[in-house]
Protein backbone atom coordinates (compact mmCIF):
# COMPACT_ATOMS: atom_id res chain seq x y z
CA MET A 1 166.75 73.20 144.82
CA ARG A 2 167.21 70.52 142.23
CA VAL A 3 165.16 70.75 139.02
CA SER A 4 164.89 67.65 136.96
CA THR A 5 165.16 67.76 133.20
CA TYR A 6 161.52 66.61 132.94
CA GLN A 7 160.30 69.41 135.19
CA PHE A 8 162.30 71.96 133.26
CA TYR A 9 160.95 70.89 129.91
CA ASN A 10 157.38 70.51 131.22
CA MET A 11 157.36 73.95 132.85
CA ASN A 12 158.65 75.68 129.75
CA THR A 13 156.24 73.78 127.50
CA ASN A 14 153.29 74.85 129.67
CA ASN A 15 154.46 78.45 129.63
CA LEU A 16 154.77 78.41 125.85
CA THR A 17 151.33 76.79 125.50
CA ASN A 18 149.69 79.38 127.75
CA LEU A 19 151.36 82.26 125.93
CA GLN A 20 150.34 80.79 122.59
CA SER A 21 146.74 80.39 123.77
CA SER A 22 146.64 84.00 125.01
CA THR A 23 148.17 85.21 121.77
CA ASN A 24 145.66 83.22 119.72
CA LYS A 25 142.80 84.73 121.77
CA VAL A 26 144.06 88.25 121.06
CA LEU A 27 144.48 87.39 117.37
CA GLN A 28 140.89 86.12 117.29
CA GLN A 29 139.70 89.33 118.92
CA LEU A 30 141.65 91.40 116.41
CA SER A 31 140.26 89.46 113.47
CA SER A 32 136.61 89.58 114.69
CA GLY A 33 136.74 93.06 116.20
CA LYS A 34 134.98 91.66 119.28
CA GLN A 35 136.39 91.30 122.76
CA VAL A 36 133.72 88.69 123.65
CA ASN A 37 133.58 85.89 121.09
CA THR A 38 132.54 83.01 123.34
CA ALA A 39 130.81 82.67 126.69
CA ALA A 40 134.20 81.75 128.21
CA ASP A 41 135.61 85.17 127.37
CA ASP A 42 133.19 86.95 129.75
CA PRO A 43 130.17 84.90 130.93
CA VAL A 44 128.28 87.87 132.41
CA ALA A 45 128.85 90.12 129.39
CA ASN A 46 127.96 87.27 127.04
CA ILE A 47 124.53 86.84 128.68
CA ALA A 48 123.87 90.58 128.39
CA ILE A 49 124.97 90.57 124.74
CA GLU A 50 122.69 87.65 123.88
CA ASN A 51 119.76 89.40 125.54
CA LEU A 52 120.49 92.56 123.58
CA LYS A 53 120.68 90.56 120.35
CA GLN A 54 117.27 89.03 121.07
CA GLN A 55 115.86 92.46 121.79
CA SER A 56 117.28 93.80 118.52
CA ALA A 57 115.80 90.85 116.61
CA MET A 58 112.41 91.45 118.20
CA LEU A 59 112.56 95.16 117.37
CA GLY A 60 113.51 94.25 113.82
CA GLN A 61 110.43 92.03 113.54
CA TYR A 62 108.24 94.82 114.91
CA GLU A 63 109.69 97.20 112.32
CA ALA A 64 108.97 94.68 109.57
CA ASN A 65 105.37 94.37 110.83
CA ILE A 66 105.04 98.15 110.93
CA ASN A 67 106.28 98.39 107.35
CA LEU A 68 103.73 95.76 106.24
CA ALA A 69 100.91 97.47 108.13
CA ASN A 70 101.86 100.85 106.68
CA ASN A 71 101.84 99.45 103.16
CA ARG A 72 98.36 98.00 103.61
CA LEU A 73 96.93 101.15 105.15
CA LYS A 74 98.57 103.33 102.49
CA GLN A 75 96.82 101.23 99.85
CA GLU A 76 93.47 101.68 101.57
CA GLU A 77 93.64 105.37 102.45
CA PRO A 78 93.58 106.81 98.88
CA HIS A 79 90.48 104.74 98.09
CA LEU A 80 88.76 106.12 101.17
CA SER A 81 89.67 109.62 100.02
CA SER A 82 88.16 108.87 96.62
CA TYR A 83 85.08 107.49 98.39
CA GLU A 84 84.61 110.78 100.26
CA THR A 85 85.01 112.77 97.05
CA LEU A 86 82.57 110.55 95.16
CA VAL A 87 79.91 110.77 97.88
CA MET A 88 80.18 114.57 97.87
CA SER A 89 79.81 114.56 94.10
CA ILE A 90 76.70 112.35 94.40
CA ARG A 91 75.24 114.71 97.00
CA ASP A 92 75.88 117.69 94.72
CA THR A 93 74.06 115.91 91.89
CA MET A 94 71.11 115.16 94.18
CA LEU A 95 70.93 118.78 95.30
CA GLU A 96 71.02 120.00 91.71
CA ALA A 97 68.25 117.61 90.76
CA ASN A 98 66.02 118.76 93.62
CA ASP A 99 64.67 121.70 91.65
CA GLY A 100 60.95 121.96 91.06
CA SER A 101 61.50 123.84 87.83
CA LEU A 102 63.39 121.00 86.16
CA SER A 103 61.73 119.20 83.29
CA ALA A 104 61.42 115.42 83.11
CA ASP A 105 64.29 115.35 80.62
CA SER A 106 66.51 117.38 82.95
CA ARG A 107 65.70 115.07 85.83
CA LYS A 108 66.59 112.10 83.61
CA VAL A 109 69.97 113.68 82.86
CA HIS A 110 70.65 113.86 86.58
CA ALA A 111 69.40 110.30 87.02
CA ASP A 112 71.82 109.12 84.32
CA ASP A 113 74.60 111.01 86.08
CA LEU A 114 73.75 109.20 89.31
CA LYS A 115 73.81 105.86 87.47
CA SER A 116 77.36 106.58 86.32
CA GLN A 117 78.34 107.56 89.84
CA PHE A 118 76.69 104.40 91.15
CA ASP A 119 78.83 102.29 88.80
CA ALA A 120 81.92 104.22 89.90
CA LEU A 121 81.05 103.56 93.52
CA VAL A 122 80.67 99.81 92.94
CA ALA A 123 84.01 99.77 91.11
CA LEU A 124 85.64 101.69 93.95
CA ALA A 125 84.23 99.26 96.54
CA ASN A 126 85.73 96.40 94.50
CA SER A 127 89.20 97.95 94.32
CA GLN A 128 92.21 95.61 94.23
CA ASP A 129 95.84 96.03 95.23
CA GLU A 130 98.86 95.39 93.01
CA SER A 131 98.64 91.66 93.79
CA GLY A 132 95.02 91.40 92.72
CA ASN A 133 93.66 91.11 96.28
CA TYR A 134 90.40 92.90 97.03
CA ILE A 135 91.03 95.69 99.52
CA PHE A 136 87.54 95.79 101.05
CA SER A 137 86.66 92.09 101.25
CA GLY A 138 87.80 91.57 104.85
CA THR A 139 90.07 88.55 105.13
CA ALA A 140 88.49 86.92 102.04
CA SER A 141 90.89 88.84 99.80
CA ASN A 142 90.25 86.61 96.77
CA THR A 143 86.48 87.18 96.88
CA LYS A 144 84.92 90.07 94.99
CA PRO A 145 83.20 91.89 97.84
CA PHE A 146 80.34 93.75 96.16
CA VAL A 147 77.98 92.16 93.66
CA ASP A 148 75.49 94.31 91.74
CA ALA A 149 72.36 92.24 91.16
CA GLY A 150 70.23 94.53 89.03
CA GLY A 151 70.71 97.60 91.18
CA THR A 152 70.70 95.75 94.50
CA VAL A 153 74.25 95.54 95.80
CA ASN A 154 75.11 92.68 98.15
CA TYR A 155 78.27 92.23 100.19
CA ALA A 156 80.03 88.89 99.55
CA GLY A 157 83.15 89.43 101.64
CA ASN A 158 83.49 88.87 105.39
CA SER A 159 83.91 91.08 108.44
CA GLY A 160 87.44 89.88 109.21
CA GLN A 161 90.22 92.29 110.08
CA ARG A 162 93.95 91.59 109.94
CA THR A 163 96.23 92.86 112.66
CA ALA A 164 99.97 93.40 113.00
CA MET A 165 101.94 93.12 116.25
CA VAL A 166 103.86 96.39 116.35
CA SER A 167 105.07 96.45 119.95
CA ASP A 168 104.87 94.40 123.14
CA GLY A 169 101.21 93.41 123.45
CA ILE A 170 100.09 96.04 120.92
CA GLU A 171 98.33 95.17 117.66
CA VAL A 172 97.21 97.56 114.93
CA ILE A 173 94.35 96.79 112.52
CA THR A 174 95.62 96.84 108.93
CA ASN A 175 92.38 96.66 106.91
CA ASP A 176 88.71 97.62 107.02
CA PRO A 177 86.09 95.23 105.62
CA GLY A 178 83.59 96.50 103.07
CA ASP A 179 80.55 95.91 105.26
CA GLU A 180 82.06 98.32 107.78
CA VAL A 181 83.11 100.93 105.22
CA PHE A 182 80.16 100.94 102.82
CA MET A 183 77.29 99.09 104.45
CA GLY A 184 75.50 99.47 107.75
CA VAL A 185 75.75 103.27 107.92
CA ARG A 186 73.63 104.82 110.65
CA ILE A 187 70.60 106.62 109.24
CA ALA A 188 70.13 110.32 109.88
CA ALA A 189 66.92 109.91 111.90
CA GLY A 190 68.47 107.44 114.32
CA ASP A 191 66.57 104.17 114.82
CA TYR A 192 63.32 104.45 112.81
CA GLN A 193 62.85 105.33 109.15
CA ALA A 194 59.74 107.09 107.89
CA ASP A 195 57.86 105.35 105.05
CA TYR A 196 57.07 108.50 103.09
CA ALA A 197 56.38 106.57 99.89
CA ASN A 198 53.18 105.12 101.38
CA ALA A 199 52.27 108.09 103.53
CA THR A 200 49.32 110.44 103.27
CA MET A 201 50.74 113.96 103.42
CA ASP A 202 48.51 116.90 102.60
CA GLY A 203 50.64 118.90 104.98
CA LYS A 204 54.36 119.46 104.82
CA PHE A 205 56.17 117.78 107.68
CA PHE A 206 59.32 115.77 108.28
CA VAL A 207 60.66 113.31 110.87
CA GLU A 208 63.87 114.88 112.14
CA LYS A 209 64.71 112.25 114.74
CA ALA A 210 63.36 108.87 115.81
CA GLU A 211 65.73 107.55 118.47
CA ILE A 212 65.52 104.86 121.12
CA VAL A 213 66.53 106.55 124.36
CA ASP A 214 65.53 103.72 126.72
CA PRO A 215 65.68 100.22 125.19
CA THR A 216 64.40 98.65 128.42
CA GLN A 217 60.87 99.84 127.60
CA ASN A 218 60.49 97.24 124.83
CA PRO A 219 60.20 99.39 121.70
CA GLN A 220 58.00 97.97 118.94
CA SER A 221 59.10 97.34 115.34
CA ASP A 222 56.90 100.05 113.84
CA TYR A 223 54.48 102.83 114.76
CA ARG A 224 51.67 104.45 112.79
CA PHE A 225 50.93 108.12 113.32
CA ASN A 226 47.45 109.33 112.38
CA PHE A 227 46.89 113.07 112.53
CA VAL A 228 43.32 113.75 113.57
CA ASP A 229 40.97 116.49 114.72
CA ASP A 230 41.11 117.03 118.47
CA GLY A 231 37.44 117.99 118.42
CA ALA A 232 38.15 121.67 118.25
CA GLY A 233 39.61 121.80 114.77
CA ASN A 234 43.21 121.50 115.94
CA VAL A 235 45.71 118.90 114.77
CA ALA A 236 46.26 116.00 117.18
CA TYR A 237 47.82 112.58 116.73
CA GLU A 238 47.04 108.97 117.49
CA ILE A 239 49.68 106.22 117.66
CA THR A 240 49.16 102.56 116.78
CA ASP A 241 51.98 100.09 117.43
CA SER A 242 53.08 97.04 115.41
CA THR A 243 50.52 94.80 117.18
CA GLY A 244 47.66 97.03 116.02
CA THR A 245 47.11 98.39 119.52
CA LEU A 246 46.04 102.03 119.77
CA ARG A 247 48.49 103.54 122.25
CA THR A 248 46.76 106.91 122.65
CA PRO A 249 43.33 106.45 124.26
CA VAL A 250 42.54 110.05 123.35
CA PRO A 251 44.11 112.18 120.61
CA VAL A 252 47.15 114.14 121.78
CA ALA A 253 47.69 117.71 120.65
CA PHE A 254 50.53 117.97 118.16
CA ASP A 255 53.38 120.30 119.18
CA PRO A 256 56.39 120.33 116.81
CA THR A 257 58.55 121.96 119.50
CA GLN A 258 58.32 118.88 121.72
CA PRO A 259 59.40 115.29 120.93
CA ILE A 260 56.75 112.56 121.06
CA ALA A 261 57.76 109.92 123.59
CA ILE A 262 56.54 106.32 123.60
CA ASP A 263 58.12 102.99 124.63
CA GLY A 264 61.46 104.63 125.30
CA ILE A 265 61.52 106.27 121.85
CA GLU A 266 61.52 109.96 121.04
CA PHE A 267 60.04 111.06 117.71
CA THR A 268 60.76 114.64 116.65
CA PHE A 269 58.63 116.14 113.86
CA SER A 270 59.05 119.43 112.06
CA GLY A 271 56.58 121.18 109.79
CA GLU A 272 52.79 121.21 109.85
CA PRO A 273 50.88 117.98 109.29
CA LYS A 274 47.22 118.31 108.42
CA ILE A 275 44.21 116.47 109.70
CA GLY A 276 43.97 113.18 107.79
CA ASP A 277 47.71 112.78 107.27
CA GLU A 278 49.19 109.38 108.07
CA LEU A 279 52.73 108.07 108.39
CA VAL A 280 54.36 104.79 109.42
CA LEU A 281 57.85 104.63 110.94
CA ASN A 282 59.67 101.30 110.75
CA GLU A 283 62.59 100.30 112.91
CA GLN A 284 65.69 100.66 110.73
CA LYS A 285 69.03 101.72 112.07
CA THR A 286 71.22 101.57 108.97
CA SER A 287 71.34 102.19 105.25
CA ASP A 288 74.01 102.23 102.53
CA PRO A 289 74.96 104.49 99.63
CA PHE A 290 73.90 101.97 96.99
CA THR A 291 70.32 101.82 98.28
CA ILE A 292 70.19 105.60 98.65
CA ILE A 293 71.37 106.24 95.10
CA ASN A 294 69.02 103.68 93.56
CA ARG A 295 66.00 105.11 95.35
CA THR A 296 66.99 108.64 94.29
CA ILE A 297 67.20 107.49 90.66
CA GLU A 298 63.71 105.98 90.94
CA LEU A 299 62.31 109.26 92.23
CA LEU A 300 64.02 111.30 89.50
CA GLU A 301 62.77 108.98 86.77
CA ASN A 302 59.19 109.09 88.04
CA GLU A 303 57.08 111.12 85.63
CA SER A 304 55.20 112.82 88.45
CA GLY A 305 58.39 114.62 89.50
CA LEU A 306 59.47 115.75 92.93
CA SER A 307 56.77 118.27 93.81
CA ALA A 308 54.55 116.08 96.04
CA ASN A 309 54.98 116.50 99.79
CA GLN A 310 55.71 112.79 100.24
CA VAL A 311 58.40 112.85 97.57
CA GLN A 312 60.00 116.00 98.91
CA ALA A 313 60.11 114.49 102.41
CA GLU A 314 61.61 111.24 101.15
CA TYR A 315 64.13 113.11 99.03
CA GLY A 316 65.17 115.10 102.10
CA GLN A 317 65.50 111.86 104.03
CA LEU A 318 67.74 110.42 101.31
CA LEU A 319 69.93 113.52 101.38
CA GLY A 320 70.22 113.28 105.16
CA ASP A 321 71.17 109.61 104.98
CA LEU A 322 73.76 110.33 102.29
CA THR A 323 75.26 112.99 104.55
CA GLU A 324 75.62 110.30 107.20
CA VAL A 325 77.37 108.12 104.59
CA PHE A 326 79.88 110.92 104.04
CA ASN A 327 80.38 111.39 107.78
CA HIS A 328 80.91 107.65 108.17
CA ALA A 329 83.44 107.56 105.34
CA THR A 330 85.28 110.50 106.90
CA GLY A 331 85.31 108.69 110.25
CA VAL A 332 86.76 105.51 108.72
CA ARG A 333 89.43 107.50 106.91
CA ALA A 334 90.29 109.40 110.10
CA GLU A 335 90.66 106.08 111.93
CA VAL A 336 93.03 104.83 109.24
CA GLY A 337 95.00 108.05 109.60
CA ASN A 338 95.22 107.54 113.36
CA ARG A 339 96.55 104.03 112.84
CA MET A 340 99.19 105.27 110.41
CA LYS A 341 100.19 108.00 112.87
CA SER A 342 100.50 105.44 115.68
CA LEU A 343 102.68 103.27 113.42
CA ASP A 344 105.01 106.22 112.87
CA THR A 345 105.22 106.69 116.64
CA TYR A 346 106.04 103.04 117.30
CA GLU A 347 108.58 103.01 114.48
CA ALA A 348 110.38 106.03 115.98
CA GLN A 349 110.34 104.40 119.43
CA HIS A 350 111.79 101.17 118.08
CA SER A 351 114.47 103.06 116.17
CA ASP A 352 115.52 104.87 119.37
CA MET A 353 115.53 101.62 121.33
CA LYS A 354 117.68 99.93 118.70
CA LEU A 355 120.22 102.74 118.88
CA VAL A 356 120.42 102.43 122.66
CA SER A 357 120.61 98.65 122.46
CA GLU A 358 123.38 98.73 119.85
CA SER A 359 125.30 101.28 121.92
CA VAL A 360 125.14 99.11 125.04
CA LYS A 361 126.02 95.97 123.07
CA SER A 362 128.97 97.77 121.47
CA SER A 363 130.32 98.79 124.86
CA LEU A 364 130.16 95.16 125.99
CA GLU A 365 131.58 93.31 123.00
CA ASP A 366 133.44 95.70 120.71
CA LEU A 367 137.24 95.54 120.90
CA ASP A 368 139.58 98.32 122.02
CA TYR A 369 142.09 97.88 119.20
CA ALA A 370 144.84 99.95 120.84
CA SER A 371 144.78 97.86 124.01
CA ALA A 372 144.48 94.61 122.07
CA ILE A 373 147.47 95.42 119.83
CA SER A 374 149.56 96.40 122.85
CA GLU A 375 148.61 93.15 124.56
CA PHE A 376 149.45 91.18 121.41
CA GLU A 377 152.88 92.83 121.18
CA ARG A 378 153.56 92.17 124.87
CA GLN A 379 152.60 88.51 124.60
CA ASN A 380 154.53 88.09 121.36
CA LEU A 381 157.64 89.61 122.97
CA ALA A 382 157.27 87.37 126.01
CA MET A 383 156.86 84.28 123.86
CA ASN A 384 159.92 85.15 121.78
CA ALA A 385 161.98 85.76 124.90
CA LEU A 386 160.80 82.48 126.45
CA THR A 387 161.53 80.56 123.28
CA GLU A 388 165.02 82.05 122.96
CA THR A 389 165.83 81.50 126.64
CA PHE A 390 164.52 77.94 126.55
CA GLY A 391 166.65 77.20 123.51
CA LYS A 392 169.81 78.49 125.15
CA VAL A 393 169.24 76.84 128.54
CA SER A 394 168.17 73.51 127.07
CA GLY A 395 171.48 73.41 125.13
CA VAL A 396 173.62 73.70 128.29
CA SER A 397 175.15 70.41 129.59
CA LEU A 398 177.32 69.48 132.60
CA PHE A 399 179.95 68.40 130.16
CA ASP A 400 180.33 72.05 129.14
CA TYR A 401 181.80 72.73 132.56
CA ILE A 402 184.08 69.64 132.95
């Protein structure tokens, strides 16, 4: 077979170019430490690597969100703990003050103590983080949430809650607005509050529960209970609703062991009302610690003291409502704790997933240095041999053999 000079040179040039390209590829792999540097190196592996990189980036964003959420909840949780402690301290003060043997001056001392605790509670509700943002103002973080207007505390924040995406389709709430934490606490009785301040109470009795059990029966806004003589000298009751309609055509015998049912509401009384006693219950589902404390201070500062049946009943009602405030605060704090625990769980899951993802990605793209160096040496040897052979052959001429 005859080989032209052009073919000889072209074939050797192509071989050198291919060897140089292969050598350069191995050098690039050795310098980067990756066996897949471009899609051309391994199209299938490159797609898998890119998907794994996107997954790692997404997990990294979730971890950043978890860190932010944890920081916000960790700022809130200590204040909720302080709130619980302060409410218990207020309750202890109220219990200490509920002593019939105390003088007016002693009651005033307790009232002053409650005033200090009231101020501490307002300050706590207006707590700020290290950036000056109000913790309990909802999403209106620049607005002071609680404003004390002469003893009446109003909420000026909003009910907004921030969330953080911590996993696929999963969001965690990162703050609790002040109206949820401090305001709108369910009263101890349930749905109706007794107006003891304007009651007639020669007997000692108390409304334990006043709950709507069937809202479809159209409960009225208030009910008046009149305790009357049943005609035989026994205590009975009559009920008048908010429209002024007498709902008991004949007096009903009073039995403290049985709830009184009307319009889907159950009223449970304890104690022994006397004939002539009268009490109104108004629909009221919630209260707040500020209102409770202020009313307690008013009762303690009253010169008549706490001995009257009406005052004792109202004081007991205030204590019961404050207990509900504590239970509510404990519930909010427990919810924050649950969120923080869930964040720890998601963080651990993401950490495990990242380890698996990095391991798979490493197996796809990381270079086997021993194999790569061997391949580089082989290609380098081949290129040197080709270059040397080409140099010798290209120098041979027909004239050398004439």
